[in-house]
C-alpha cells in the first residue's frame, strides 16, 4: 500500500489542475484579500482623530476649554509655539484612551497652513478648532478631499465640540437660575469631567476583526476545492477509464488496499496544500487565529478528508466525463462559499441572516462549518463549539464516503 500511496502522490503532483485549484488559487485570492481589506483594517485600528487647535486665551473661558481638551485628547508639542499637554492639568498622555490627537498652534492662519500641508499624510488632520466668544468653532477639510476615514474623524470632532458647547450652555443656564450652585466644588467637578456612562467589555477571547471572517471563509473554499484531488485519483482508479486502473485491477494487491492507499494520498495532497495556505495567512498576511495553531491544523486535517470524500462522491456519479465532474465540484464549492459569506459584505450579511433564520442550513454547508470552526478557536475560550463543528464535518465525510461506495467497490468488466 505504501507503493500505491507513493506513486499516487507523484501522479497527483504532476497534474497541473490540482495544484492550481488547491494551492495557487487560494494563495492568489489571499493576496487579493490583503489588497482589498488592508485599508479597512487600518481604519479600524485608528485610535485617535488628529486635529489642530488654536491655543485658547488665558481668560476663564479659555481655561475651561483647555481643561476640556485635556480631558478628551492628548497633545503633541508644536515647533512653532505649541504646548505639551503633560504640563497642563497633570493629565498623562495616553493616546489609546483619547478621542483627539491635538497639535496646538498660536494663530488661526498657522492652523489652516498646518492642515493643508498635511493633507497627503497617511493620517492627515481632519481640521482645526478655534475658540471664539467662549465657544469652539470647528473647520474641517472639504468633502472633495476627504477619505472615508477622514469623514468619520470630522464627525467625531464635531460631536466632541458640540458636547462642549452644550455643557457651556448648561453652565450659563445654571448661572442664571442658581448662581450659588457654581460655588459647590462637586458641581464644578461634574461639569468639567466627561461622564462615564459606558464601560468597555470584551466578550470574546480575542478582539474581533471585521475582515478576518472572509479569510476563514476562504479557507473553507480552499479546502473544498481539494475535492478535485479525489475526483482525479478516483478516475485513475477505474479500470474502464484509466490504463493505470486496469493494471491495478489485474494486479496482486487487493482492491481495498489500492483504494485505501489512493484516499490517503489524496488526503496528504489536500492537507499539505491547505497547510501552505494556512502558513501564508498566519505568517505573511498575519491573520490572528488566537494562538490556536494546533487546533487549526486539526481543522485542516479533517477538512482535507472531507474534501477528499466530496471528490469521491462526485466522481461516483455515472455517465459524466471528468471535466463535467470538475464543473459540478466547482459549482458546489462556489455555491456553498456564497452562504459562508466569501464574496463580500452583502454575502456576509446574507449568511448571517440565513444562519439566524434557518440555522439548519448551516449544518449541511461544509464551507460554513469549516469557516465557523476557525471562528470558534479564535473567539471562544472553550473547545465545545469547535468539537461540535468537527463532529458535523466528520458526519459529512462519512456520508460522502458512503455515497461513493458503489464507485469504489470492485466491479467486473467484459474486457479491459
Protein backbone atom coordinates (compact mmCIF):
# COMPACT_ATOMS: atom_id res chain seq x y z
CA UNK A 1 0.00 0.00 0.00
CA UNK A 2 2.94 2.33 0.61
CA UNK A 3 3.95 1.94 -3.02
CA UNK A 4 0.39 2.84 -4.05
CA UNK A 5 0.49 5.95 -1.87
CA UNK A 6 3.88 6.95 -3.27
CA UNK A 7 3.03 6.63 -6.94
CA UNK A 8 -0.42 8.17 -6.49
CA UNK A 9 1.23 11.19 -4.87
CA UNK A 10 3.65 11.50 -7.77
CA UNK A 11 0.82 11.23 -10.28
CA UNK A 12 -1.32 13.81 -8.49
CA UNK A 13 1.51 16.31 -8.11
CA UNK A 14 2.22 16.07 -11.83
CA UNK A 15 -1.40 17.01 -12.61
CA UNK A 16 -1.36 20.83 -13.19
CA UNK A 17 -5.04 21.45 -12.46
CA UNK A 18 -4.77 20.02 -8.96
CA UNK A 19 -2.02 22.38 -7.81
CA UNK A 20 -3.75 25.34 -9.45
CA UNK A 21 -7.04 24.87 -7.59
CA UNK A 22 -5.74 23.55 -4.29
CA UNK A 23 -2.62 25.70 -3.86
CA UNK A 24 -2.16 28.56 -6.34
CA UNK A 25 -5.76 29.81 -6.36
CA UNK A 26 -6.07 30.16 -2.53
CA UNK A 27 -2.73 31.97 -2.34
CA UNK A 28 -3.69 34.39 -5.12
CA UNK A 29 -7.12 35.02 -3.57
CA UNK A 30 -5.50 35.61 -0.17
CA UNK A 31 -3.23 38.24 -1.72
CA UNK A 32 -6.23 39.91 -3.34
CA UNK A 33 -7.98 39.99 0.04
CA UNK A 34 -4.94 41.68 1.58
CA UNK A 35 -5.12 44.44 -1.03
CA UNK A 36 -8.88 44.82 -0.54
CA UNK A 37 -9.07 44.75 3.24
CA UNK A 38 -5.85 46.41 4.38
CA UNK A 39 -7.40 49.89 4.33
CA UNK A 40 -10.43 48.65 6.31
CA UNK A 41 -8.25 47.08 8.99
CA UNK A 42 -6.06 50.18 9.17
CA UNK A 43 -9.10 52.42 9.59
CA UNK A 44 -10.48 50.15 12.31
CA UNK A 45 -7.18 50.30 14.19
CA UNK A 46 -7.12 54.10 14.20
CA UNK A 47 -7.45 55.16 17.84
CA UNK A 48 -7.50 58.96 17.72
CA UNK A 49 -8.54 61.83 15.46
CA UNK A 50 -5.74 64.26 14.55
CA UNK A 51 -6.78 67.89 14.93
CA UNK A 52 -5.13 71.31 15.16
CA UNK A 53 -6.26 73.64 17.94
CA UNK A 54 -5.51 77.34 18.20
CA UNK A 55 -4.25 77.79 21.78
CA UNK A 56 -7.12 79.25 23.83
CA UNK A 57 -6.66 82.53 25.69
CA UNK A 58 -5.82 82.64 29.41
CA UNK A 59 -9.20 84.01 30.46
CA UNK A 60 -11.86 81.96 32.25
CA UNK A 61 -13.44 80.59 29.04
CA UNK A 62 -10.03 79.64 27.68
CA UNK A 63 -9.03 77.86 30.89
CA UNK A 64 -12.32 75.91 30.86
CA UNK A 65 -11.85 74.94 27.21
CA UNK A 66 -8.27 73.87 27.87
CA UNK A 67 -9.43 71.67 30.74
CA UNK A 68 -11.95 70.05 28.41
CA UNK A 69 -9.27 69.43 25.76
CA UNK A 70 -7.01 67.86 28.36
CA UNK A 71 -9.87 65.53 29.24
CA UNK A 72 -10.69 64.28 25.72
CA UNK A 73 -7.31 64.39 23.98
CA UNK A 74 -3.56 64.27 24.06
CA UNK A 75 -1.36 66.93 22.53
CA UNK A 76 1.90 66.92 20.63
CA UNK A 77 4.36 69.75 21.17
CA UNK A 78 4.46 72.05 18.15
CA UNK A 79 7.72 73.60 17.00
CA UNK A 80 6.08 76.96 16.38
CA UNK A 81 4.87 77.81 19.84
CA UNK A 82 2.92 74.61 20.56
CA UNK A 83 2.44 73.24 24.02
CA UNK A 84 2.76 69.91 25.78
CA UNK A 85 -0.39 68.66 27.44
CA UNK A 86 1.59 66.83 30.13
CA UNK A 87 2.23 70.21 31.73
CA UNK A 88 -1.42 71.17 31.88
CA UNK A 89 -3.71 69.70 34.49
CA UNK A 90 -1.31 66.88 35.31
CA UNK A 91 -3.04 64.60 32.84
CA UNK A 92 -0.91 61.77 31.45
CA UNK A 93 -0.78 61.43 27.69
CA UNK A 94 -2.45 58.19 26.73
CA UNK A 95 -3.34 58.14 23.03
CA UNK A 96 -5.06 54.76 23.28
CA UNK A 97 -7.76 56.17 25.59
CA UNK A 98 -8.16 59.58 23.94
CA UNK A 99 -10.53 60.72 21.24
CA UNK A 100 -8.34 63.53 19.88
CA UNK A 101 -4.67 63.81 19.00
CA UNK A 102 -4.18 67.57 19.35
CA UNK A 103 -1.49 69.81 17.92
CA UNK A 104 -1.51 73.36 19.31
CA UNK A 105 -0.64 76.48 17.30
CA UNK A 106 -0.77 80.15 18.20
CA UNK A 107 -2.83 81.62 15.32
CA UNK A 108 -5.67 80.54 13.08
CA UNK A 109 -3.53 81.12 9.99
CA UNK A 110 -0.97 78.65 11.30
CA UNK A 111 -3.76 76.14 11.88
CA UNK A 112 -5.01 76.46 8.28
CA UNK A 113 -1.48 76.08 6.90
CA UNK A 114 -0.75 73.03 9.05
CA UNK A 115 -3.94 71.25 7.98
CA UNK A 116 -3.31 71.93 4.28
CA UNK A 117 0.35 70.93 4.42
CA UNK A 118 -0.50 67.53 5.90
CA UNK A 119 -3.39 66.56 3.60
CA UNK A 120 -1.29 63.85 1.94
CA UNK A 121 -0.18 62.24 5.20
CA UNK A 122 -1.19 58.68 5.96
CA UNK A 123 -3.38 60.06 8.76
CA UNK A 124 -3.94 63.77 7.99
CA UNK A 125 -5.52 66.35 10.26
CA UNK A 126 -9.30 66.36 9.94
CA UNK A 127 -9.45 70.13 10.56
CA UNK A 128 -8.82 72.76 13.17
CA UNK A 129 -10.65 74.34 16.12
CA UNK A 130 -10.58 77.93 17.34
CA UNK A 131 -12.33 79.33 20.43
CA UNK A 132 -14.50 82.41 19.77
CA UNK A 133 -16.72 84.07 22.37
CA UNK A 134 -16.23 81.12 24.70
CA UNK A 135 -17.44 78.52 22.19
CA UNK A 136 -15.37 76.36 19.82
CA UNK A 137 -15.70 76.77 16.05
CA UNK A 138 -14.81 73.72 14.00
CA UNK A 139 -13.33 73.85 10.49
CA UNK A 140 -12.91 70.52 8.67
CA UNK A 141 -11.41 69.70 5.30
CA UNK A 142 -13.82 69.67 2.36
CA UNK A 143 -15.60 66.55 1.13
CA UNK A 144 -13.81 66.74 -2.19
CA UNK A 145 -10.52 65.87 -0.50
CA UNK A 146 -11.70 63.74 2.41
CA UNK A 147 -11.40 59.99 2.53
CA UNK A 148 -13.95 57.82 4.32
CA UNK A 149 -11.82 57.69 7.47
CA UNK A 150 -11.40 61.47 7.41
CA UNK A 151 -15.16 61.92 7.15
CA UNK A 152 -15.61 59.74 10.23
CA UNK A 153 -12.94 61.77 12.02
CA UNK A 154 -14.66 65.02 11.09
CA UNK A 155 -17.92 63.71 12.52
CA UNK A 156 -16.19 62.70 15.76
CA UNK A 157 -14.56 66.12 16.07
CA UNK A 158 -17.88 67.90 15.52
CA UNK A 159 -19.65 65.71 18.07
CA UNK A 160 -16.97 66.32 20.69
CA UNK A 161 -17.07 70.10 20.24
CA UNK A 162 -20.88 70.11 20.23
CA UNK A 163 -20.76 68.28 23.56
CA UNK A 164 -18.58 71.07 24.97
CA UNK A 165 -20.90 73.77 23.62
CA UNK A 166 -23.89 72.05 25.21
CA UNK A 167 -22.01 71.83 28.50
CA UNK A 168 -21.22 75.57 28.43
CA UNK A 169 -24.84 76.30 27.63
CA UNK A 170 -25.79 74.29 30.71
CA UNK A 171 -23.31 76.28 32.80
CA UNK A 172 -24.79 79.54 31.53
CA UNK A 173 -28.31 78.42 32.32
CA UNK A 174 -27.23 77.23 35.76
CA UNK A 175 -25.52 80.55 36.46
CA UNK A 176 -28.70 82.41 35.54
CA UNK A 177 -31.07 80.18 37.51
CA UNK A 178 -28.95 79.25 40.53
CA UNK A 179 -25.60 81.08 40.77
CA UNK A 180 -24.91 79.62 44.21
CA UNK A 181 -24.66 76.12 42.69
CA UNK A 182 -21.48 77.10 40.87
CA UNK A 183 -19.80 77.67 44.20
CA UNK A 184 -20.19 73.97 45.02
CA UNK A 185 -16.92 72.13 44.17
CA UNK A 186 -18.79 68.92 43.36
CA UNK A 187 -20.92 70.72 40.76
CA UNK A 188 -17.86 72.29 39.17
CA UNK A 189 -16.12 68.92 39.07
CA UNK A 190 -19.11 67.25 37.41
CA UNK A 191 -19.26 69.98 34.78
CA UNK A 192 -15.58 69.60 33.94
CA UNK A 193 -15.44 65.80 33.80
CA UNK A 194 -16.51 63.52 30.98
CA UNK A 195 -19.46 61.38 32.02
CA UNK A 196 -18.53 57.70 32.12
CA UNK A 197 -21.85 56.22 31.03
CA UNK A 198 -20.44 53.17 29.27
CA UNK A 199 -17.89 50.54 30.14
CA UNK A 200 -15.88 48.68 27.52
CA UNK A 201 -16.21 44.93 27.94
CA UNK A 202 -14.55 42.28 25.77
CA UNK A 203 -16.86 39.28 25.45
CA UNK A 204 -14.62 37.19 23.21
CA UNK A 205 -11.18 35.72 23.85
CA UNK A 206 -9.58 37.95 21.20
CA UNK A 207 -10.52 41.34 19.83
CA UNK A 208 -12.82 40.77 16.81
CA UNK A 209 -11.69 41.96 13.38
CA UNK A 210 -14.26 42.67 10.72
CA UNK A 211 -12.29 41.24 7.80
CA UNK A 212 -10.94 38.06 9.39
CA UNK A 213 -14.19 36.20 8.66
CA UNK A 214 -13.50 36.48 4.94
CA UNK A 215 -10.19 34.68 5.39
CA UNK A 216 -11.94 31.93 7.35
CA UNK A 217 -14.44 31.58 4.51
CA UNK A 218 -11.51 31.49 2.09
CA UNK A 219 -10.03 28.54 3.97
CA UNK A 220 -13.37 26.78 3.67
CA UNK A 221 -13.42 27.33 -0.08
CA UNK A 222 -9.77 26.29 -0.47
CA UNK A 223 -10.41 23.09 1.49
CA UNK A 224 -13.41 22.08 -0.61
CA UNK A 225 -11.54 22.72 -3.86
CA UNK A 226 -9.31 19.90 -2.68
CA UNK A 227 -12.14 17.65 -3.82
CA UNK A 228 -10.63 17.90 -7.30
CA UNK A 229 -7.83 15.68 -5.99
CA UNK A 230 -10.33 12.97 -5.08
CA UNK A 231 -12.03 13.21 -8.47
CA UNK A 232 -8.78 12.80 -10.40
CA UNK A 233 -7.45 10.00 -8.19
CA UNK A 234 -10.69 8.01 -8.27
CA UNK A 235 -10.97 8.36 -12.05
CA UNK A 236 -7.46 6.90 -12.35
CA UNK A 237 -8.57 4.02 -10.15
CA UNK A 238 -11.37 2.90 -12.50
CA UNK A 239 -10.22 0.11 -14.86
CA UNK A 240 -12.60 1.11 -17.67
CA UNK A 241 -11.33 4.69 -17.71
CA UNK A 242 -7.62 4.57 -16.88
CA UNK A 243 -4.88 2.20 -18.05
CA UNK A 244 -3.37 2.56 -14.57
CA UNK A 245 -6.66 1.41 -13.08
CA UNK A 246 -6.72 -1.56 -15.45
CA UNK A 247 -3.24 -2.66 -14.38
CA UNK A 248 -4.20 -2.31 -10.72
CA UNK A 249 -7.37 -4.34 -11.27
CA UNK A 250 -5.40 -7.35 -12.52
CA UNK A 251 -2.52 -6.87 -10.06
CA UNK A 252 -1.80 -8.83 -6.91
CA UNK A 253 -2.76 -6.04 -4.50
CA UNK A 254 -6.24 -6.25 -3.07
CA UNK A 255 -8.74 -3.67 -4.24
CA UNK A 256 -9.36 -2.42 -0.70
CA UNK A 257 -5.67 -1.65 -0.16
CA UNK A 258 -5.49 0.10 -3.50
CA UNK A 259 -8.49 2.26 -2.64
CA UNK A 260 -7.17 3.00 0.86
CA UNK A 261 -3.76 3.98 -0.48
CA UNK A 262 -5.34 6.28 -3.07
CA UNK A 263 -7.53 8.01 -0.49
CA UNK A 264 -4.57 8.50 1.87
CA UNK A 265 -2.53 10.02 -0.97
CA UNK A 266 -5.40 12.39 -1.80
CA UNK A 267 -5.64 13.43 1.84
CA UNK A 268 -1.89 14.10 2.03
CA UNK A 269 -2.00 16.35 -1.05
CA UNK A 270 -5.06 18.28 0.21
CA UNK A 271 -3.68 18.67 3.72
CA UNK A 272 -0.25 19.82 2.51
CA UNK A 273 -1.74 22.47 0.21
CA UNK A 274 -4.03 23.72 2.99
CA UNK A 275 -1.09 23.90 5.40
CA UNK A 276 0.80 26.07 2.91
CA UNK A 277 -2.22 28.38 2.60
CA UNK A 278 -2.61 28.48 6.38
CA UNK A 279 1.09 29.32 6.84
CA UNK A 280 0.76 32.12 4.29
CA UNK A 281 -2.23 33.60 6.12
CA UNK A 282 -0.67 33.11 9.55
CA UNK A 283 2.84 34.44 8.97
CA UNK A 284 2.69 36.60 5.83
CA UNK A 285 -0.81 38.10 5.97
CA UNK A 286 -0.61 37.90 9.81
CA UNK A 287 -4.17 36.73 10.42
CA UNK A 288 -4.76 36.10 14.11
CA UNK A 289 -6.00 32.58 14.81
CA UNK A 290 -5.99 33.21 18.54
CA UNK A 291 -2.74 31.34 19.08
CA UNK A 292 -4.59 28.07 18.39
CA UNK A 293 -2.31 26.80 15.63
CA UNK A 294 -2.56 23.17 16.74
CA UNK A 295 -6.37 23.31 16.73
CA UNK A 296 -6.24 24.97 13.30
CA UNK A 297 -4.18 22.06 11.95
CA UNK A 298 -6.77 19.62 13.31
CA UNK A 299 -9.48 21.52 11.43
CA UNK A 300 -7.38 21.48 8.24
CA UNK A 301 -6.77 17.74 8.58
CA UNK A 302 -10.47 16.93 8.88
CA UNK A 303 -11.39 19.48 6.19
CA UNK A 304 -8.91 17.77 3.83
CA UNK A 305 -10.55 14.39 4.48
CA UNK A 306 -13.98 15.97 3.95
CA UNK A 307 -12.84 17.42 0.61
CA UNK A 308 -11.46 14.04 -0.46
CA UNK A 309 -14.76 12.37 0.41
CA UNK A 310 -16.68 15.04 -1.51
CA UNK A 311 -14.48 14.45 -4.57
CA UNK A 312 -15.02 10.69 -4.32
CA UNK A 313 -18.80 11.17 -4.07
CA UNK A 314 -18.88 13.40 -7.16
CA UNK A 315 -16.58 11.01 -9.02
CA UNK A 316 -19.04 8.16 -8.39
CA UNK A 317 -21.75 9.92 -10.46
CA UNK A 318 -22.16 7.71 -13.55
CA UNK A 319 -22.09 8.68 -17.25
CA UNK A 320 -20.46 12.09 -16.67
CA UNK A 321 -16.96 12.84 -18.00
CA UNK A 322 -14.19 14.04 -15.69
CA UNK A 323 -14.45 17.65 -16.89
CA UNK A 324 -18.16 17.59 -16.11
CA UNK A 325 -17.50 16.29 -12.61
CA UNK A 326 -14.94 19.03 -12.01
CA UNK A 327 -17.57 21.52 -13.13
CA UNK A 328 -20.04 20.05 -10.63
CA UNK A 329 -17.44 20.38 -7.87
CA UNK A 330 -16.74 24.00 -8.81
CA UNK A 331 -20.45 24.82 -8.75
CA UNK A 332 -20.96 23.12 -5.37
CA UNK A 333 -17.96 24.87 -3.80
CA UNK A 334 -18.86 28.32 -5.16
CA UNK A 335 -22.49 27.94 -4.07
CA UNK A 336 -21.51 26.74 -0.60
CA UNK A 337 -18.99 29.60 -0.28
CA UNK A 338 -21.73 32.10 -1.11
CA UNK A 339 -23.60 31.15 2.06
CA UNK A 340 -20.35 31.19 4.01
CA UNK A 341 -20.10 34.92 3.16
CA UNK A 342 -16.98 34.77 0.99
CA UNK A 343 -17.96 37.25 -1.72
CA UNK A 344 -18.05 40.49 0.23
CA UNK A 345 -20.06 42.30 2.88
CA UNK A 346 -23.52 41.76 1.27
CA UNK A 347 -22.98 37.99 1.14
CA UNK A 348 -21.67 38.01 4.70
CA UNK A 349 -24.84 39.77 5.83
CA UNK A 350 -26.87 37.23 3.82
CA UNK A 351 -25.01 34.37 5.50
CA UNK A 352 -25.68 35.89 8.94
CA UNK A 353 -29.38 36.36 8.15
CA UNK A 354 -29.75 32.77 6.93
CA UNK A 355 -27.84 31.45 9.93
CA UNK A 356 -30.21 33.34 12.21
CA UNK A 357 -33.46 32.49 10.46
CA UNK A 358 -32.70 28.95 9.22
CA UNK A 359 -29.78 27.61 11.28
CA UNK A 360 -30.34 24.09 9.95
CA UNK A 361 -28.92 25.15 6.58
CA UNK A 362 -25.55 25.76 8.22
CA UNK A 363 -25.48 22.11 9.26
CA UNK A 364 -25.43 20.91 5.64
CA UNK A 365 -22.98 23.51 4.31
CA UNK A 366 -19.39 22.23 4.57
CA UNK A 367 -17.88 25.63 3.73
CA UNK A 368 -19.80 27.23 6.59
CA UNK A 369 -18.78 24.51 9.03
CA UNK A 370 -15.10 24.89 8.16
CA UNK A 371 -15.12 28.68 8.44
CA UNK A 372 -17.09 28.61 11.69
CA UNK A 373 -14.67 26.07 13.11
CA UNK A 374 -11.85 28.57 12.63
CA UNK A 375 -14.05 31.29 14.10
CA UNK A 376 -14.68 29.16 17.19
CA UNK A 377 -10.98 28.65 18.01
CA UNK A 378 -10.26 32.34 17.55
CA UNK A 379 -13.00 33.94 19.61
CA UNK A 380 -14.16 31.33 22.14
CA UNK A 381 -12.40 30.29 25.33
CA UNK A 382 -13.93 26.82 25.17
CA UNK A 383 -13.41 23.95 22.71
CA UNK A 384 -17.06 22.97 22.89
CA UNK A 385 -18.12 24.91 19.74
CA UNK A 386 -15.10 23.51 17.86
CA UNK A 387 -15.97 19.94 18.81
CA UNK A 388 -19.50 20.48 17.50
CA UNK A 389 -18.22 21.70 14.12
CA UNK A 390 -15.69 18.86 13.87
CA UNK A 391 -18.41 16.33 14.63
CA UNK A 392 -20.62 17.73 11.84
CA UNK A 393 -17.68 17.67 9.42
CA UNK A 394 -16.95 14.04 10.37
CA UNK A 395 -20.57 13.08 9.70
CA UNK A 396 -20.42 14.81 6.29
CA UNK A 397 -17.22 12.90 5.48
CA UNK A 398 -18.84 9.60 6.39
CA UNK A 399 -21.92 10.34 4.28
CA UNK A 400 -19.83 11.30 1.23
CA UNK A 401 -17.75 8.13 1.50
CA UNK A 402 -20.92 6.04 1.80
CA UNK A 403 -22.27 7.66 -1.37
CA UNK A 404 -19.08 6.77 -3.21
CA UNK A 405 -19.01 3.11 -2.11
CA UNK A 406 -20.62 1.92 -5.32
CA UNK A 407 -17.85 3.50 -7.35
CA UNK A 408 -15.07 2.32 -5.02
CA UNK A 409 -16.10 -1.34 -4.88
CA UNK A 410 -14.51 -3.91 -7.22
CA UNK A 411 -16.51 -4.34 -10.41
CA UNK A 412 -16.32 -6.88 -13.25
CA UNK A 413 -15.77 -5.82 -16.83
CA UNK A 414 -16.17 -7.76 -20.05
CA UNK A 415 -12.78 -6.52 -21.22
CA UNK A 416 -10.06 -4.10 -20.19
